[in-house]
Protein backbone atom coordinates (compact mmCIF):
# COMPACT_ATOMS: atom_id res chain seq x y z
CA UNK A 1 96.65 -276.63 -30.72
CA UNK A 2 92.92 -277.15 -31.42
CA UNK A 3 91.50 -274.51 -33.73
CA UNK A 4 94.91 -273.16 -34.70
CA UNK A 5 96.05 -273.09 -38.31
CA UNK A 6 99.13 -275.19 -38.95
CA UNK A 7 101.50 -276.23 -41.73
CA UNK A 8 102.04 -279.75 -42.98
CA UNK A 9 104.12 -280.65 -46.01
CA UNK A 10 101.94 -282.38 -48.63
CA UNK A 11 102.54 -286.09 -49.13
CA UNK A 12 103.72 -285.51 -52.70
CA UNK A 13 105.81 -282.42 -52.00
CA UNK A 14 109.38 -282.59 -53.37
CA UNK A 15 111.87 -283.47 -50.62
CA UNK A 16 115.13 -283.32 -52.53
CA UNK A 17 116.53 -284.47 -55.84
CA UNK A 18 115.40 -287.97 -56.79
CA UNK A 19 118.27 -290.27 -57.74
CA UNK A 20 117.57 -292.81 -60.44
CA UNK A 21 118.85 -296.29 -59.61
CA UNK A 22 121.64 -296.13 -62.20
CA UNK A 23 122.75 -292.71 -60.92
CA UNK A 24 122.69 -293.88 -57.31
CA UNK A 25 124.79 -296.93 -58.09
CA UNK A 26 127.28 -294.76 -59.96
CA UNK A 27 127.58 -292.53 -56.92
CA UNK A 28 128.35 -295.54 -54.78
CA UNK A 29 131.28 -296.33 -57.03
CA UNK A 30 132.85 -292.90 -57.23
CA UNK A 31 132.07 -290.96 -54.08
CA UNK A 32 134.97 -291.15 -51.57
CA UNK A 33 133.10 -289.58 -48.66
CA UNK A 34 129.73 -289.72 -47.01
CA UNK A 35 126.75 -288.76 -49.12
CA UNK A 36 123.67 -287.55 -47.28
CA UNK A 37 120.47 -288.86 -48.80
CA UNK A 38 116.92 -288.95 -47.67
CA UNK A 39 114.05 -291.31 -48.27
CA UNK A 40 113.05 -294.61 -46.65
CA UNK A 41 113.34 -297.58 -48.99
CA UNK A 42 109.96 -298.98 -49.94
CA UNK A 43 109.09 -302.04 -52.02
CA UNK A 44 107.73 -301.52 -55.50
CA UNK A 45 103.96 -301.82 -55.82
CA UNK A 46 101.84 -302.58 -58.83
CA UNK A 47 100.78 -298.95 -59.03
CA UNK A 48 104.09 -297.16 -58.68
CA UNK A 49 107.85 -297.38 -58.51
CA UNK A 50 109.08 -295.74 -55.30
CA UNK A 51 112.62 -294.25 -55.51
CA UNK A 52 114.90 -295.66 -52.84
CA UNK A 53 116.80 -292.48 -51.96
CA UNK A 54 116.63 -288.72 -52.40
CA UNK A 55 119.75 -286.55 -52.19
CA UNK A 56 120.06 -283.86 -49.50
CA UNK A 57 122.68 -281.13 -49.01
CA UNK A 58 125.23 -280.97 -46.23
CA UNK A 59 125.48 -277.62 -44.43
CA UNK A 60 127.91 -275.90 -42.09
CA UNK A 61 128.28 -276.96 -38.47
CA UNK A 62 128.42 -273.38 -37.28
CA UNK A 63 130.37 -272.05 -34.29
CA UNK A 64 128.23 -273.54 -31.52
CA UNK A 65 128.64 -277.33 -31.63
CA UNK A 66 129.90 -278.60 -28.27
CA UNK A 67 130.11 -282.30 -27.48
CA UNK A 68 128.57 -282.18 -24.01
CA UNK A 69 128.19 -285.99 -23.96
CA UNK A 70 124.52 -285.61 -23.03
CA UNK A 71 122.82 -288.82 -24.09
CA UNK A 72 119.20 -287.83 -23.68
CA UNK A 73 115.94 -287.53 -25.60
CA UNK A 74 114.45 -284.51 -23.79
CA UNK A 75 116.84 -281.62 -24.42
CA UNK A 76 114.58 -278.89 -23.00
CA UNK A 77 116.05 -279.12 -19.52
CA UNK A 78 119.34 -277.75 -18.24
CA UNK A 79 120.97 -280.51 -16.17
CA UNK A 80 123.03 -277.92 -14.28
CA UNK A 81 119.99 -276.52 -12.44
CA UNK A 82 116.92 -278.50 -13.60
CA UNK A 83 115.32 -275.53 -15.35
CA UNK A 84 113.21 -276.07 -18.47
CA UNK A 85 113.51 -273.79 -21.49
CA UNK A 86 110.11 -272.25 -22.30
CA UNK A 87 108.62 -272.45 -25.76
CA UNK A 88 106.23 -274.36 -28.02
CA UNK A 89 106.94 -278.10 -27.66
CA UNK A 90 108.49 -279.71 -30.73
CA UNK A 91 109.14 -283.43 -31.14
CA UNK A 92 111.78 -284.25 -33.76
CA UNK A 93 112.18 -287.79 -35.08
CA UNK A 94 115.13 -288.81 -37.24
CA UNK A 95 114.78 -291.98 -39.32
CA UNK A 96 118.30 -292.92 -40.36
CA UNK A 97 119.25 -295.53 -42.94
CA UNK A 98 122.27 -296.84 -44.83
CA UNK A 99 122.37 -296.58 -48.61
CA UNK A 100 123.72 -299.54 -50.56
CA UNK A 101 123.22 -301.24 -53.91
CA UNK A 102 120.24 -303.02 -52.35
CA UNK A 103 118.49 -299.78 -51.41
CA UNK A 104 118.06 -298.16 -48.00
CA UNK A 105 117.95 -300.16 -44.77
CA UNK A 106 117.75 -298.86 -41.18
CA UNK A 107 121.10 -297.85 -39.70
CA UNK A 108 121.51 -298.52 -35.97
CA UNK A 109 124.25 -297.67 -33.50
CA UNK A 110 125.23 -294.31 -34.97
CA UNK A 111 124.75 -291.08 -33.01
CA UNK A 112 122.50 -288.12 -33.80
CA UNK A 113 123.42 -284.79 -32.14
CA UNK A 114 120.95 -281.90 -32.00
CA UNK A 115 121.51 -278.33 -30.82
CA UNK A 116 119.76 -274.99 -31.37
CA UNK A 117 118.98 -271.62 -29.81
CA UNK A 118 116.21 -270.88 -27.30
CA UNK A 119 113.26 -268.46 -27.62
CA UNK A 120 115.62 -265.52 -27.08
CA UNK A 121 118.09 -266.63 -29.74
CA UNK A 122 120.71 -267.82 -27.24
CA UNK A 123 122.71 -271.05 -27.37
CA UNK A 124 123.87 -272.76 -24.20
CA UNK A 125 127.50 -272.96 -23.03
CA UNK A 126 128.54 -270.06 -25.26
CA UNK A 127 130.09 -266.66 -24.64
CA UNK A 128 128.77 -264.32 -27.32
CA UNK A 129 128.60 -260.57 -27.79
CA UNK A 130 124.86 -260.76 -27.00
CA UNK A 131 124.79 -263.37 -24.23
CA UNK A 132 126.95 -265.45 -21.92
CA UNK A 133 125.60 -268.92 -21.10
CA UNK A 134 128.89 -270.65 -20.31
CA UNK A 135 128.25 -273.68 -18.10
CA UNK A 136 124.62 -274.09 -19.18
CA UNK A 137 123.58 -277.11 -21.24
CA UNK A 138 120.02 -276.47 -22.44
CA UNK A 139 118.81 -277.49 -25.92
CA UNK A 140 121.72 -279.84 -26.52
CA UNK A 141 121.88 -283.62 -26.58
CA UNK A 142 122.40 -286.78 -28.56
CA UNK A 143 120.69 -290.12 -29.08
CA UNK A 144 122.05 -293.47 -30.22
CA UNK A 145 120.00 -294.65 -33.18
CA UNK A 146 117.93 -297.71 -32.28
CA UNK A 147 117.53 -300.98 -34.20
CA UNK A 148 114.77 -299.46 -36.31
CA UNK A 149 117.00 -296.58 -37.39
CA UNK A 150 115.16 -294.06 -35.20
CA UNK A 151 116.32 -291.30 -32.85
CA UNK A 152 113.77 -289.03 -31.15
CA UNK A 153 114.14 -285.69 -29.40
CA UNK A 154 111.80 -283.56 -27.30
CA UNK A 155 112.65 -279.89 -27.65
CA UNK A 156 111.03 -276.51 -28.30
CA UNK A 157 110.46 -274.61 -31.52
CA UNK A 158 113.63 -272.54 -32.07
CA UNK A 159 113.76 -268.79 -31.68
CA UNK A 160 115.73 -266.43 -33.89
CA UNK A 161 118.84 -264.31 -33.80
CA UNK A 162 120.26 -261.65 -36.08
CA UNK A 163 121.67 -262.85 -39.39
CA UNK A 164 119.95 -266.26 -39.61
CA UNK A 165 116.58 -267.73 -40.37
CA UNK A 166 115.08 -270.18 -37.85
CA UNK A 167 116.92 -273.52 -37.83
CA UNK A 168 118.06 -276.58 -35.87
CA UNK A 169 121.57 -278.02 -36.21
CA UNK A 170 122.07 -281.76 -36.43
CA UNK A 171 125.04 -284.07 -36.82
CA UNK A 172 125.03 -287.79 -37.61
CA UNK A 173 128.24 -289.58 -36.69
CA UNK A 174 129.44 -293.12 -36.33
CA UNK A 175 129.75 -294.89 -33.01
CA UNK A 176 133.16 -294.19 -31.41
CA UNK A 177 134.26 -297.78 -32.05
CA UNK A 178 133.37 -297.71 -35.76
CA UNK A 179 136.31 -297.90 -38.19
CA UNK A 180 136.36 -296.06 -40.50
CA UNK A 181 134.12 -293.46 -38.95
CA UNK A 182 131.89 -290.89 -40.57
CA UNK A 183 130.50 -287.49 -39.65
CA UNK A 184 127.76 -285.59 -41.45
CA UNK A 185 126.37 -282.20 -40.42
CA UNK A 186 123.42 -280.21 -41.70
CA UNK A 187 120.47 -278.10 -40.54
CA UNK A 188 116.68 -278.39 -40.39
CA UNK A 189 114.51 -275.45 -41.46
CA UNK A 190 110.87 -274.50 -41.05
CA UNK A 191 108.12 -273.07 -43.21
CA UNK A 192 108.00 -269.28 -42.71
CA UNK A 193 104.23 -269.22 -42.24
CA UNK A 194 104.43 -271.74 -39.41
CA UNK A 195 107.28 -269.84 -37.75
CA UNK A 196 105.26 -266.62 -37.94
CA UNK A 197 102.37 -268.28 -36.10
CA UNK A 198 104.58 -269.79 -33.41
CA UNK A 199 106.63 -266.63 -32.89
CA UNK A 200 103.50 -264.49 -32.53
CA UNK A 201 102.88 -266.28 -29.20
CA UNK A 202 104.76 -265.97 -25.89
CA UNK A 203 107.56 -266.36 -25.02
CA UNK A 204 108.79 -265.66 -28.58
CA UNK A 205 106.69 -262.54 -29.10
CA UNK A 206 108.61 -260.65 -26.40
CA UNK A 207 111.69 -260.59 -28.65
CA UNK A 208 109.87 -258.84 -31.46
CA UNK A 209 109.64 -259.59 -35.17
CA UNK A 210 112.45 -261.63 -36.65
CA UNK A 211 114.70 -259.94 -39.18
CA UNK A 212 115.65 -262.83 -41.45
CA UNK A 213 113.35 -265.18 -43.37
CA UNK A 214 114.22 -268.28 -45.35
CA UNK A 215 114.52 -266.48 -48.68
CA UNK A 216 116.98 -263.98 -47.18
CA UNK A 217 119.23 -266.53 -45.49
CA UNK A 218 122.50 -267.30 -47.29
CA UNK A 219 122.73 -270.86 -45.95
CA UNK A 220 119.08 -271.65 -46.68
CA UNK A 221 119.69 -270.68 -50.31
CA UNK A 222 122.12 -273.63 -50.55
CA UNK A 223 119.47 -276.33 -50.50
CA UNK A 224 117.48 -275.32 -47.42
CA UNK A 225 114.17 -276.05 -49.14
CA UNK A 226 115.25 -279.71 -49.19
CA UNK A 227 115.83 -279.63 -45.42
CA UNK A 228 112.33 -278.63 -44.29
CA UNK A 229 110.79 -281.70 -42.62
CA UNK A 230 107.06 -282.43 -42.74
CA UNK A 231 105.43 -281.09 -39.58
CA UNK A 232 102.10 -281.99 -37.96
CA UNK A 233 100.32 -280.59 -34.88
CA UNK A 234 100.21 -282.52 -31.62
CA UNK A 235 98.13 -282.04 -28.50
CA UNK A 236 100.71 -279.65 -27.04
CA UNK A 237 102.77 -278.43 -29.98
CA UNK A 238 104.22 -279.90 -33.17
CA UNK A 239 106.03 -283.01 -34.41
CA UNK A 240 108.56 -283.19 -37.24
CA UNK A 241 109.97 -286.29 -38.93
CA UNK A 242 113.13 -286.22 -41.04
CA UNK A 243 114.49 -289.24 -42.90
CA UNK A 244 118.14 -289.46 -43.93
CA UNK A 245 120.26 -292.15 -45.54
CA UNK A 246 124.05 -292.27 -45.49
CA UNK A 247 126.37 -293.76 -48.05
CA UNK A 248 129.53 -295.17 -46.51
CA UNK A 249 127.99 -295.53 -43.06
């Protein structure tokens, strides 16, 4: 990516609604379900007070979640035939923590599912009016969160399809043995300027100009700006990191 312009969220950019400590503790006492929050707990320093958590919105699962039971980090390949989906490489790291009265601490053992469309706008294992990929399993997978609260995925930058802006679906759910369990679903979004640059290159460019941008997307308008992770260039593509904390996990 040398010489190419790229987008990175500024260090001080807003990443959701900051919860004051008193407000966060009140939420712990009254919320019956799982609250999605974001922000890694940091110790106070002499120069600043760092908020422990930042609230994030839940979003719809959509029609294309399929539990393929694919425990894998690299979701670019289709295990049915070994083919690799073309596109700009994108590494996505989730840093997952548990929210409690003591702040946010890494949450291990839960599962993060990721799924999204390819450069043509097609999802795998789906029969749709525009494509039929039944039996294929590309761009789907899950990871068990490690002891540091981290789950990593190797994928490609998503393409687009009619009616939606560019996005990646994710779900964070408890381990099967956990009682009571939890399940939280939302979506990751991308800066429009970055998407324009990526989609101007093959193989995306063959599909033509996308028809829906963030500002025109009905789901993005429900908190999507809080679901854009910071992104940095890598030697071969881009890397995104998204931190989330769960109450009740």
